[in-house]
Protein backbone atom coordinates (compact mmCIF):
# COMPACT_ATOMS: atom_id res chain seq x y z
CA UNK A 1 -51.23 105.29 159.22
CA UNK A 2 -53.41 102.15 158.27
CA UNK A 3 -51.89 99.28 155.89
CA UNK A 4 -53.60 97.27 153.41
CA UNK A 5 -54.40 94.81 154.80
CA UNK A 6 -56.33 96.41 158.36
CA UNK A 7 -58.27 97.91 154.85
CA UNK A 8 -59.23 94.94 153.11
CA UNK A 9 -60.22 93.34 155.30
CA UNK A 10 -62.52 97.08 155.90
CA UNK A 11 -63.88 96.56 153.09
CA UNK A 12 -64.14 93.00 152.43
CA UNK A 13 -66.30 92.98 155.51
CA UNK A 14 -68.42 96.16 154.53
CA UNK A 15 -69.35 94.72 151.38
CA UNK A 16 -70.14 90.88 152.03
CA UNK A 17 -72.17 92.65 154.87
CA UNK A 18 -74.11 94.18 152.24
CA UNK A 19 -74.28 91.31 150.21
CA UNK A 20 -75.23 88.86 152.46
CA UNK A 21 -75.64 89.58 156.45
CA UNK A 22 -73.51 90.52 159.62
CA UNK A 23 -72.80 87.14 160.71
CA UNK A 24 -71.09 86.21 157.63
CA UNK A 25 -69.12 88.55 157.48
CA UNK A 26 -68.63 87.81 161.58
CA UNK A 27 -67.91 84.08 160.56
CA UNK A 28 -65.24 84.31 158.33
CA UNK A 29 -63.34 87.56 159.31
CA UNK A 30 -62.56 85.52 162.93
CA UNK A 31 -62.20 82.20 161.11
CA UNK A 32 -59.58 83.83 158.84
CA UNK A 33 -57.68 84.98 161.96
CA UNK A 34 -58.42 81.58 163.79
CA UNK A 35 -56.64 80.39 159.92
CA UNK A 36 -53.96 81.90 160.84
CA UNK A 37 -53.02 80.93 163.95
CA UNK A 38 -52.75 77.50 163.29
CA UNK A 39 -51.42 77.49 160.30
CA UNK A 40 -48.54 79.38 161.38
CA UNK A 41 -49.30 82.35 160.93
CA UNK A 42 -50.43 85.52 163.28
CA UNK A 43 -53.45 86.46 164.19
CA UNK A 44 -54.26 89.66 163.63
CA UNK A 45 -56.38 92.37 166.71
CA UNK A 46 -56.95 95.06 163.98
CA UNK A 47 -58.13 92.40 161.36
CA UNK A 48 -60.72 91.53 163.52
CA UNK A 49 -61.79 95.75 164.36
CA UNK A 50 -61.05 96.17 160.62
CA UNK A 51 -63.95 93.44 160.51
CA UNK A 52 -65.77 95.29 163.38
CA UNK A 53 -65.46 98.65 161.78
CA UNK A 54 -66.98 97.52 157.76
CA UNK A 55 -69.44 95.32 159.43
CA UNK A 56 -70.79 98.43 161.94
CA UNK A 57 -70.46 100.08 158.83
CA UNK A 58 -72.16 98.19 156.30
CA UNK A 59 -74.66 97.94 159.20
CA UNK A 60 -75.42 101.69 158.79
CA UNK A 61 -75.56 101.53 154.56
CA UNK A 62 -78.11 98.56 154.55
CA UNK A 63 -81.09 98.90 154.03
CA UNK A 64 -81.93 96.73 155.73
CA UNK A 65 -80.65 96.75 159.56
């Protein structure tokens, strides 16, 4: 089962890809995980995978890519 956090990562990256571009979405997704790791949290590979899937789907639906 997919957690709410993974869905948030997926849909945020999907929407950001449609609203701007995949590079911005990827930078913010990875940046958030870097921030988590340096601020005492835990960086999650699952979150980055969810971001990547959202970006891929956003590119597929976007008329610009």
